[in-house]
């Protein structure tokens, strides 16, 4: 790992004296030209706070860009979500970091900053909506079988607690995607299937939502 990012790795454990709490360590990817830290905010309300906490250790002037990728979900439109994020970013101390003026765009300030709201900056939804589009192309049979399986579940035999996550706005879609990935990579996390299987290939790259994400990422990293 590039030593530049070491400041973002917590040195104390457990976090907040809670042994069950996830240690907020970013994921890091790099090649000869790029070094990127991917930081999960662990909840929508912590996006601005996570950025603020990270920039206490790394000055914005040392970064090429800061990108935010979030879901629109089903409680608000992508534009409403974008406006809310801009307000939260404005409420914290972010020297030299200028939020973008439009959803899905990356400004040319230094450092660059952009906000992408999945699935496509226009429609309500989540990352799962994009994955369902991908599955429809490369795994249509698994998609149909998974949808039939989820629809056939007798929910009367499950408790309110059992269905807590399932009944969330994107719960059923998450269950369908997880069912597909459990066949492709049994016993492994969804991320493993996304990396190993045909969720992304040349045909998938032609999807509008994927093109939008690709363009956003290219602007963020300066390609």
Protein backbone atom coordinates (compact mmCIF):
# COMPACT_ATOMS: atom_id res chain seq x y z
CA UNK A 1 0.00 0.00 0.00
CA UNK A 2 1.17 3.50 -0.81
CA UNK A 3 2.46 5.14 2.39
CA UNK A 4 0.46 8.24 1.46
CA UNK A 5 -2.72 6.50 2.71
CA UNK A 6 -1.39 5.21 6.03
CA UNK A 7 -2.89 8.19 7.85
CA UNK A 8 -6.38 6.90 7.03
CA UNK A 9 -5.88 3.59 8.85
CA UNK A 10 -7.13 3.72 12.47
CA UNK A 11 -4.43 2.92 15.00
CA UNK A 12 -6.75 2.13 17.91
CA UNK A 13 -8.97 -0.89 18.50
CA UNK A 14 -11.75 -1.50 19.29
CA UNK A 15 -13.44 1.47 17.62
CA UNK A 16 -15.34 3.51 20.22
CA UNK A 17 -14.69 0.64 22.70
CA UNK A 18 -17.16 -1.50 20.73
CA UNK A 19 -15.78 -4.94 19.80
CA UNK A 20 -18.60 -5.51 17.31
CA UNK A 21 -18.12 -2.24 15.43
CA UNK A 22 -16.54 -2.39 11.99
CA UNK A 23 -13.10 -0.82 11.77
CA UNK A 24 -13.46 2.03 9.22
CA UNK A 25 -10.54 1.09 6.99
CA UNK A 26 -10.72 2.08 3.30
CA UNK A 27 -10.01 -0.37 0.50
CA UNK A 28 -7.01 0.57 -1.60
CA UNK A 29 -6.32 -0.06 -5.29
CA UNK A 30 -3.36 1.09 -7.32
CA UNK A 31 -1.30 0.64 -10.45
CA UNK A 32 1.72 2.44 -11.82
CA UNK A 33 -0.26 5.65 -12.45
CA UNK A 34 -3.04 5.70 -9.86
CA UNK A 35 -3.51 5.18 -6.14
CA UNK A 36 -7.11 5.18 -4.92
CA UNK A 37 -8.73 4.87 -1.49
CA UNK A 38 -12.33 3.56 -1.47
CA UNK A 39 -14.03 4.53 1.76
CA UNK A 40 -17.46 3.20 2.72
CA UNK A 41 -19.48 5.72 4.69
CA UNK A 42 -21.47 2.89 6.35
CA UNK A 43 -24.74 4.75 5.97
CA UNK A 44 -26.04 7.68 3.97
CA UNK A 45 -25.95 10.13 6.84
CA UNK A 46 -22.19 9.66 7.29
CA UNK A 47 -21.02 10.51 3.78
CA UNK A 48 -20.06 14.11 4.52
CA UNK A 49 -18.77 13.16 7.97
CA UNK A 50 -16.55 10.42 6.52
CA UNK A 51 -15.04 12.89 4.06
CA UNK A 52 -14.48 15.42 6.82
CA UNK A 53 -12.81 12.82 9.05
CA UNK A 54 -10.53 11.66 6.23
CA UNK A 55 -9.49 15.19 5.32
CA UNK A 56 -8.34 15.81 8.88
CA UNK A 57 -5.39 13.58 8.02
CA UNK A 58 -4.90 14.39 4.34
CA UNK A 59 -5.10 17.91 2.99
CA UNK A 60 -7.40 18.31 -0.05
CA UNK A 61 -4.54 20.02 -1.88
CA UNK A 62 -2.68 16.69 -1.78
CA UNK A 63 -5.52 14.88 -3.59
CA UNK A 64 -6.29 14.85 -7.29
CA UNK A 65 -10.00 14.28 -6.73
CA UNK A 66 -12.79 13.28 -4.35
CA UNK A 67 -15.71 11.30 -5.76
CA UNK A 68 -19.00 10.40 -4.05
CA UNK A 69 -21.08 7.45 -5.27
CA UNK A 70 -24.47 7.03 -3.59
CA UNK A 71 -27.89 5.44 -4.17
CA UNK A 72 -31.00 7.46 -4.96
CA UNK A 73 -33.06 4.85 -3.10
CA UNK A 74 -36.85 5.23 -3.19
CA UNK A 75 -37.49 7.92 -0.61
CA UNK A 76 -36.26 10.81 -2.75
CA UNK A 77 -35.30 11.64 -6.32
CA UNK A 78 -31.64 11.69 -7.39
CA UNK A 79 -31.78 15.50 -7.56
CA UNK A 80 -33.19 15.70 -4.02
CA UNK A 81 -30.47 13.36 -2.83
CA UNK A 82 -27.83 15.45 -4.59
CA UNK A 83 -29.16 18.68 -3.05
CA UNK A 84 -29.12 17.10 0.41
CA UNK A 85 -25.51 15.95 -0.03
CA UNK A 86 -24.46 19.41 -1.21
CA UNK A 87 -26.08 20.94 1.90
CA UNK A 88 -24.27 18.50 4.18
CA UNK A 89 -20.96 19.15 2.45
CA UNK A 90 -21.50 22.88 2.88
CA UNK A 91 -22.04 22.40 6.62
CA UNK A 92 -18.57 20.95 7.24
CA UNK A 93 -15.10 22.45 6.98
CA UNK A 94 -13.70 21.40 3.60
CA UNK A 95 -10.89 23.80 2.67
CA UNK A 96 -10.18 23.90 -1.09
CA UNK A 97 -12.82 21.22 -1.81
CA UNK A 98 -15.49 22.73 -4.04
CA UNK A 99 -18.63 20.55 -4.44
CA UNK A 100 -19.93 20.12 -8.02
CA UNK A 101 -22.76 22.32 -9.27
CA UNK A 102 -24.60 19.54 -11.11
CA UNK A 103 -25.43 15.92 -10.42
CA UNK A 104 -23.23 13.39 -12.22
CA UNK A 105 -20.64 15.98 -13.23
CA UNK A 106 -17.08 16.48 -12.02
CA UNK A 107 -15.73 20.00 -11.60
CA UNK A 108 -12.25 20.98 -12.73
CA UNK A 109 -11.29 22.61 -9.46
CA UNK A 110 -8.28 21.28 -7.58
CA UNK A 111 -9.03 18.79 -6.18
CA UNK A 112 -11.76 17.66 -8.54
CA UNK A 113 -15.07 16.72 -6.96
CA UNK A 114 -18.10 14.90 -8.31
CA UNK A 115 -21.26 13.18 -7.09
CA UNK A 116 -22.90 10.25 -8.89
CA UNK A 117 -26.34 9.05 -7.77
CA UNK A 118 -27.09 5.46 -8.83
CA UNK A 119 -28.58 4.09 -10.93
CA UNK A 120 -28.28 6.88 -13.54
CA UNK A 121 -28.60 10.32 -11.87
CA UNK A 122 -32.22 10.56 -13.07
CA UNK A 123 -34.28 7.65 -11.75
CA UNK A 124 -34.89 6.42 -8.23
CA UNK A 125 -33.13 3.17 -7.43
CA UNK A 126 -29.96 1.59 -6.14
CA UNK A 127 -26.86 -0.25 -7.31
CA UNK A 128 -29.01 -3.42 -7.45
CA UNK A 129 -31.01 -1.92 -10.32
CA UNK A 130 -27.80 -1.74 -12.33
CA UNK A 131 -26.86 -5.31 -11.42
CA UNK A 132 -30.31 -6.53 -12.49
CA UNK A 133 -29.68 -4.91 -15.89
CA UNK A 134 -26.37 -6.75 -16.08
CA UNK A 135 -27.95 -10.08 -15.08
CA UNK A 136 -30.68 -9.67 -17.69
CA UNK A 137 -28.00 -9.73 -20.40
CA UNK A 138 -25.51 -12.36 -19.18
CA UNK A 139 -27.54 -14.45 -16.71
CA UNK A 140 -31.17 -14.30 -17.93
CA UNK A 141 -32.03 -17.85 -16.83
CA UNK A 142 -30.58 -17.38 -13.35
CA UNK A 143 -32.38 -14.04 -13.11
CA UNK A 144 -35.76 -15.55 -14.01
CA UNK A 145 -35.30 -18.48 -11.62
CA UNK A 146 -34.19 -16.18 -8.80
CA UNK A 147 -37.18 -13.88 -9.32
CA UNK A 148 -39.54 -16.87 -9.29
CA UNK A 149 -37.92 -18.19 -6.12
CA UNK A 150 -38.19 -14.87 -4.29
CA UNK A 151 -41.80 -14.39 -5.39
CA UNK A 152 -42.77 -17.90 -4.25
CA UNK A 153 -41.60 -17.48 -0.65
CA UNK A 154 -44.42 -17.84 1.88
CA UNK A 155 -43.84 -14.74 3.97
CA UNK A 156 -46.49 -15.80 6.46
CA UNK A 157 -44.03 -18.38 7.77
CA UNK A 158 -41.44 -15.69 8.50
CA UNK A 159 -41.41 -13.33 11.45
CA UNK A 160 -41.34 -9.57 11.29
CA UNK A 161 -37.72 -9.73 12.38
CA UNK A 162 -36.92 -12.27 9.64
CA UNK A 163 -38.34 -9.91 7.01
CA UNK A 164 -36.86 -6.67 8.40
CA UNK A 165 -34.26 -6.23 5.65
CA UNK A 166 -36.31 -7.96 2.97
CA UNK A 167 -39.11 -5.42 3.31
CA UNK A 168 -36.80 -2.46 2.80
CA UNK A 169 -37.25 -0.62 -0.55
CA UNK A 170 -34.45 -2.54 -2.28
CA UNK A 171 -34.77 -5.70 -0.17
CA UNK A 172 -36.27 -7.98 -2.81
CA UNK A 173 -33.80 -6.83 -5.46
CA UNK A 174 -30.90 -7.47 -3.10
CA UNK A 175 -32.30 -10.97 -2.45
CA UNK A 176 -32.51 -11.69 -6.20
CA UNK A 177 -28.93 -10.53 -6.82
CA UNK A 178 -27.69 -12.52 -3.81
CA UNK A 179 -29.49 -15.62 -5.10
CA UNK A 180 -27.73 -15.32 -8.46
CA UNK A 181 -24.32 -14.78 -6.87
CA UNK A 182 -24.85 -17.74 -4.50
CA UNK A 183 -25.06 -20.01 -7.56
CA UNK A 184 -22.08 -18.46 -9.29
CA UNK A 185 -19.91 -18.38 -6.16
CA UNK A 186 -21.55 -20.51 -3.42
CA UNK A 187 -20.72 -19.43 0.11
CA UNK A 188 -18.86 -16.32 -0.97
CA UNK A 189 -19.71 -12.63 -0.74
CA UNK A 190 -21.42 -10.84 -3.62
CA UNK A 191 -18.25 -8.81 -4.19
CA UNK A 192 -16.39 -12.01 -5.11
CA UNK A 193 -18.94 -12.87 -7.79
CA UNK A 194 -18.88 -9.30 -9.15
CA UNK A 195 -15.13 -9.61 -9.52
CA UNK A 196 -14.97 -13.18 -10.86
CA UNK A 197 -18.08 -13.63 -13.01
CA UNK A 198 -19.63 -12.01 -16.09
CA UNK A 199 -21.38 -9.11 -14.41
CA UNK A 200 -19.21 -6.76 -16.46
CA UNK A 201 -18.04 -7.48 -19.99
CA UNK A 202 -18.07 -5.77 -23.39
CA UNK A 203 -21.84 -6.19 -23.81
CA UNK A 204 -22.54 -4.80 -20.34
CA UNK A 205 -20.32 -1.79 -21.00
CA UNK A 206 -22.84 -0.70 -23.64
CA UNK A 207 -25.59 -0.19 -21.05
CA UNK A 208 -26.42 3.49 -20.54
CA UNK A 209 -26.06 3.31 -16.76
CA UNK A 210 -22.65 1.65 -17.05
CA UNK A 211 -21.51 4.22 -19.63
CA UNK A 212 -22.53 7.02 -17.26
CA UNK A 213 -20.58 5.45 -14.38
CA UNK A 214 -17.56 4.81 -16.60
CA UNK A 215 -17.55 8.42 -17.81
CA UNK A 216 -17.87 9.70 -14.24
CA UNK A 217 -14.97 7.55 -13.03
CA UNK A 218 -12.81 8.62 -15.96
CA UNK A 219 -13.37 12.25 -15.06
CA UNK A 220 -12.66 11.58 -11.38
CA UNK A 221 -9.34 9.85 -12.04
CA UNK A 222 -8.37 12.14 -14.94
CA UNK A 223 -8.41 9.80 -17.91
